[in-house]
Amino acid sequence: MRIRSATVQDAEDAEDFVRAHTGLAAVPYVPEIRLRVIAAGATRDAGEDDRVYELWERAGRLPFWACPWAGGQALARHVLDHPEIVRGRTVLDLASGSGLVAVAAALAGAALVVANDVDPYALAAVGVNARANGVAVRVAGGDLLDGAPSQQVVLAGDVYYEEPLARRVTPFLSRAGGDVLIGVPDRACSYLPEGVFEPVGVHDVPAALEDTPSKRTTIYRLFRTT
């Protein structure tokens, strides 16, 4: 009998979990891409919040991988509308979640896309979603923030919603040797530092699980003095 490694088994179990609790649906602001999401096709009043909390309890952490957040939607749209940003280049999608931005980069012609997340269910979702869209995305688990990105482009959708994360993300992004783009929704609490990024685009994004049905979201580029 062939015995599979625990790593392979865990990955397959995580993919089964993702499929069991989501449905495939087009992303509202990026309809070219389909993702496995909670309550596919449901409205805010049809229990979307309840599904999130249910998954939170089952998975042990907030399921950022199970819905298309505003920052990621805006950044994916920006990349698809400006494919020259990633075409032929290596790309890191930091805190990838569902893999939406990574999939967009692959569709836009990136030479190699690496999706990073600390959540094993997110990594499973990235793999499932990449295959659903016919693209190749490499997954990389674990916390990368004490290092320096080696890719030519770093993309990060919605990573400035918590102060502890923001304090670590900014130095990591500043150590990148190439282009850095982030998607930041307008929220009462945002920890985007001043003088580090410059705006390059604004989007009004249909937003699940936010305080309004749509969210004004700005695409920022890391400002470099040289």
Protein backbone atom coordinates (compact mmCIF):
# COMPACT_ATOMS: atom_id res chain seq x y z
CA MET A 1 0.00 0.00 0.00
CA ARG A 2 1.31 3.47 -0.90
CA ILE A 3 1.62 5.74 2.11
CA ARG A 4 1.32 9.46 1.46
CA SER A 5 3.26 12.00 3.45
CA ALA A 6 1.45 14.01 6.10
CA THR A 7 2.15 17.17 4.11
CA VAL A 8 0.39 15.84 1.02
CA GLN A 9 -2.51 14.53 3.09
CA ASP A 10 -2.89 17.84 4.95
CA ALA A 11 -2.87 19.77 1.69
CA GLU A 12 -5.53 17.51 0.19
CA ASP A 13 -7.64 17.80 3.35
CA ALA A 14 -7.38 21.60 3.20
CA GLU A 15 -8.48 21.65 -0.45
CA ASP A 16 -11.41 19.40 0.42
CA PHE A 17 -12.34 21.83 3.21
CA VAL A 18 -12.21 24.79 0.83
CA ARG A 19 -14.41 23.05 -1.74
CA ALA A 20 -16.88 21.84 0.87
CA HIS A 21 -17.56 25.32 2.26
CA THR A 22 -17.49 27.49 -0.87
CA GLY A 23 -18.95 27.79 -4.34
CA LEU A 24 -17.36 28.98 -7.56
CA ALA A 25 -18.46 32.47 -8.61
CA ALA A 26 -17.25 35.40 -10.71
CA VAL A 27 -15.58 38.19 -8.73
CA PRO A 28 -17.91 41.24 -8.82
CA TYR A 29 -15.26 43.81 -9.82
CA VAL A 30 -13.09 41.36 -11.76
CA PRO A 31 -15.58 39.12 -13.57
CA GLU A 32 -12.84 37.60 -15.72
CA ILE A 33 -11.79 35.67 -12.62
CA ARG A 34 -13.79 33.05 -10.73
CA LEU A 35 -13.11 32.19 -7.09
CA ARG A 36 -14.30 29.70 -4.52
CA VAL A 37 -16.22 31.97 -2.13
CA ILE A 38 -18.67 31.65 0.73
CA ALA A 39 -22.35 31.99 -0.05
CA ALA A 40 -21.71 32.27 -3.78
CA GLY A 41 -24.48 34.39 -5.26
CA ALA A 42 -25.93 35.26 -1.85
CA THR A 43 -26.74 38.76 -0.63
CA ARG A 44 -25.59 40.41 2.57
CA ASP A 45 -28.99 39.59 4.11
CA ALA A 46 -28.77 35.90 3.22
CA GLY A 47 -26.39 34.93 5.96
CA GLU A 48 -22.99 35.84 4.51
CA ASP A 49 -21.75 37.01 7.92
CA ASP A 50 -22.98 33.79 9.51
CA ARG A 51 -21.02 31.73 6.98
CA VAL A 52 -17.85 33.65 7.82
CA TYR A 53 -18.23 33.01 11.55
CA GLU A 54 -19.03 29.36 10.91
CA LEU A 55 -15.82 28.99 8.90
CA TRP A 56 -13.90 30.97 11.49
CA GLU A 57 -14.93 28.44 14.15
CA ARG A 58 -14.16 25.42 11.97
CA ALA A 59 -10.85 26.64 10.54
CA GLY A 60 -9.56 28.28 13.71
CA ARG A 61 -8.86 31.65 12.10
CA LEU A 62 -10.68 34.31 10.10
CA PRO A 63 -11.20 32.94 6.54
CA PHE A 64 -9.70 35.77 4.51
CA TRP A 65 -9.45 33.23 1.67
CA ALA A 66 -13.20 32.78 1.38
CA CYS A 67 -14.30 36.12 -0.08
CA PRO A 68 -12.91 38.78 -2.43
CA TRP A 69 -11.95 41.75 -0.24
CA ALA A 70 -12.03 45.27 -1.64
CA GLY A 71 -8.26 45.80 -1.61
CA GLY A 72 -7.65 42.63 -3.56
CA GLN A 73 -10.42 43.30 -6.06
CA ALA A 74 -9.10 46.78 -6.83
CA LEU A 75 -5.52 45.57 -7.14
CA ALA A 76 -6.49 42.65 -9.38
CA ARG A 77 -8.46 45.05 -11.61
CA HIS A 78 -5.49 47.42 -11.76
CA VAL A 79 -3.12 44.63 -12.77
CA LEU A 80 -5.42 43.31 -15.48
CA ASP A 81 -5.98 46.83 -16.82
CA HIS A 82 -2.21 47.52 -16.79
CA PRO A 83 -0.62 44.16 -17.65
CA GLU A 84 2.73 45.81 -18.39
CA ILE A 85 3.23 46.05 -14.62
CA VAL A 86 3.77 42.29 -14.36
CA ARG A 87 4.20 40.96 -17.89
CA GLY A 88 7.30 38.78 -18.14
CA ARG A 89 8.30 39.53 -14.55
CA THR A 90 8.39 37.57 -11.29
CA VAL A 91 5.64 38.49 -8.84
CA LEU A 92 4.98 37.99 -5.13
CA ASP A 93 1.38 38.28 -3.92
CA LEU A 94 1.78 38.93 -0.19
CA ALA A 95 -1.01 37.82 2.20
CA SER A 96 -2.69 36.30 -0.82
CA GLY A 97 -5.88 35.02 0.83
CA SER A 98 -7.98 33.59 -1.98
CA GLY A 99 -5.23 34.15 -4.54
CA LEU A 100 -7.28 36.70 -6.49
CA VAL A 101 -4.34 39.07 -7.09
CA ALA A 102 -1.99 36.20 -7.87
CA VAL A 103 -4.41 34.83 -10.46
CA ALA A 104 -4.75 38.30 -12.00
CA ALA A 105 -0.96 38.61 -12.27
CA ALA A 106 -0.73 35.21 -13.96
CA LEU A 107 -3.50 36.11 -16.41
CA ALA A 108 -1.69 39.38 -17.15
CA GLY A 109 1.40 37.49 -18.30
CA ALA A 110 3.73 37.31 -15.30
CA ALA A 111 6.64 34.93 -15.80
CA LEU A 112 6.24 33.45 -12.31
CA VAL A 113 3.73 34.19 -9.56
CA VAL A 114 4.30 33.24 -5.93
CA ALA A 115 1.36 33.54 -3.52
CA ASN A 116 2.26 33.77 0.16
CA ASP A 117 0.02 33.34 3.18
CA VAL A 118 0.37 32.08 6.75
CA ASP A 119 -2.98 30.22 6.60
CA PRO A 120 -2.82 26.69 5.14
CA TYR A 121 -6.44 26.99 4.03
CA ALA A 122 -5.52 30.11 2.07
CA LEU A 123 -2.72 28.23 0.34
CA ALA A 124 -5.20 25.49 -0.53
CA ALA A 125 -7.67 28.08 -1.83
CA VAL A 126 -4.96 29.66 -4.00
CA GLY A 127 -4.26 26.30 -5.63
CA VAL A 128 -7.93 25.54 -6.22
CA ASN A 129 -8.62 29.02 -7.60
CA ALA A 130 -5.56 29.06 -9.84
CA ARG A 131 -6.63 25.79 -11.45
CA ALA A 132 -10.19 27.06 -11.83
CA ASN A 133 -8.82 29.96 -13.90
CA GLY A 134 -6.34 27.89 -15.89
CA VAL A 135 -3.17 29.51 -14.55
CA ALA A 136 -0.11 28.39 -12.62
CA VAL A 137 0.61 29.97 -9.23
CA ARG A 138 3.29 28.76 -6.83
CA VAL A 139 2.33 28.84 -3.14
CA ALA A 140 4.70 29.70 -0.30
CA GLY A 141 3.55 29.34 3.28
CA GLY A 142 4.84 31.01 6.40
CA ASP A 143 5.76 34.47 7.63
CA LEU A 144 8.10 36.23 5.19
CA LEU A 145 8.10 39.66 6.81
CA ASP A 146 11.50 39.47 8.48
CA GLY A 147 13.18 38.87 5.13
CA ALA A 148 13.32 40.72 1.82
CA PRO A 149 11.29 39.90 -1.29
CA SER A 150 13.33 38.69 -4.24
CA GLN A 151 10.62 39.08 -6.87
CA GLN A 152 10.56 41.94 -9.37
CA VAL A 153 7.03 42.99 -8.39
CA VAL A 154 5.34 42.77 -4.98
CA LEU A 155 1.55 43.05 -4.75
CA ALA A 156 -0.44 43.26 -1.52
CA GLY A 157 -4.18 43.76 -1.27
CA ASP A 158 -5.47 45.14 2.03
CA VAL A 159 -2.60 44.69 4.49
CA TYR A 160 -3.01 47.94 6.43
CA TYR A 161 -6.07 47.11 8.52
CA GLU A 162 -4.17 46.26 11.74
CA GLU A 163 -1.40 48.27 13.38
CA PRO A 164 0.88 45.33 14.34
CA LEU A 165 0.77 43.99 10.78
CA ALA A 166 1.32 47.44 9.30
CA ARG A 167 4.44 47.98 11.42
CA ARG A 168 5.99 44.83 9.94
CA VAL A 169 4.65 45.07 6.39
CA THR A 170 6.05 48.52 5.62
CA PRO A 171 9.73 47.64 6.24
CA PHE A 172 9.30 44.41 4.28
CA LEU A 173 7.83 46.22 1.29
CA SER A 174 10.51 48.91 1.54
CA ARG A 175 13.18 46.23 1.22
CA ALA A 176 11.79 45.13 -2.16
CA GLY A 177 14.15 45.77 -5.03
CA GLY A 178 11.39 46.15 -7.62
CA ASP A 179 7.92 47.65 -7.94
CA VAL A 180 5.46 47.51 -5.04
CA LEU A 181 1.70 48.06 -5.38
CA ILE A 182 -0.93 47.81 -2.65
CA GLY A 183 -4.72 48.12 -2.53
CA VAL A 184 -6.10 50.08 0.44
CA PRO A 185 -9.85 50.52 1.06
CA ASP A 186 -11.12 53.65 2.81
CA ARG A 187 -11.82 52.65 6.40
CA ALA A 188 -12.17 54.46 9.72
CA CYS A 189 -9.07 52.58 10.91
CA SER A 190 -6.23 52.44 8.42
CA TYR A 191 -2.57 52.26 9.30
CA LEU A 192 -1.10 53.32 5.98
CA PRO A 193 2.08 55.32 6.79
CA GLU A 194 2.56 58.80 5.42
CA GLY A 195 5.25 59.58 2.90
CA VAL A 196 5.90 55.98 1.88
CA PHE A 197 3.40 55.43 -0.95
CA GLU A 198 1.95 57.49 -3.79
CA PRO A 199 -1.57 56.96 -5.22
CA VAL A 200 -1.79 55.66 -8.79
CA GLY A 201 -5.48 54.81 -9.10
CA VAL A 202 -8.86 54.84 -7.35
CA HIS A 203 -11.65 52.27 -7.64
CA ASP A 204 -15.20 52.02 -6.29
CA VAL A 205 -15.38 48.31 -5.48
CA PRO A 206 -18.42 46.15 -4.61
CA ALA A 207 -17.48 45.03 -1.12
CA ALA A 208 -18.58 41.94 0.75
CA LEU A 209 -18.51 42.00 4.56
CA GLU A 210 -17.82 45.73 4.78
CA ASP A 211 -19.76 48.55 6.41
CA THR A 212 -21.05 49.76 3.02
CA PRO A 213 -22.13 47.94 -0.18
CA SER A 214 -19.17 49.46 -2.04
CA LYS A 215 -15.77 50.66 -0.93
CA ARG A 216 -13.58 53.41 -2.37
CA THR A 217 -10.20 51.74 -2.72
CA THR A 218 -6.91 53.35 -3.68
CA ILE A 219 -4.00 51.69 -5.44
CA TYR A 220 -0.69 52.94 -4.07
CA ARG A 221 2.84 52.48 -5.36
CA LEU A 222 5.87 52.47 -3.08
CA PHE A 223 7.48 55.88 -3.40
CA ARG A 224 11.18 55.79 -4.19
CA THR A 225 13.41 58.85 -4.03
CA THR A 226 15.98 57.48 -6.51
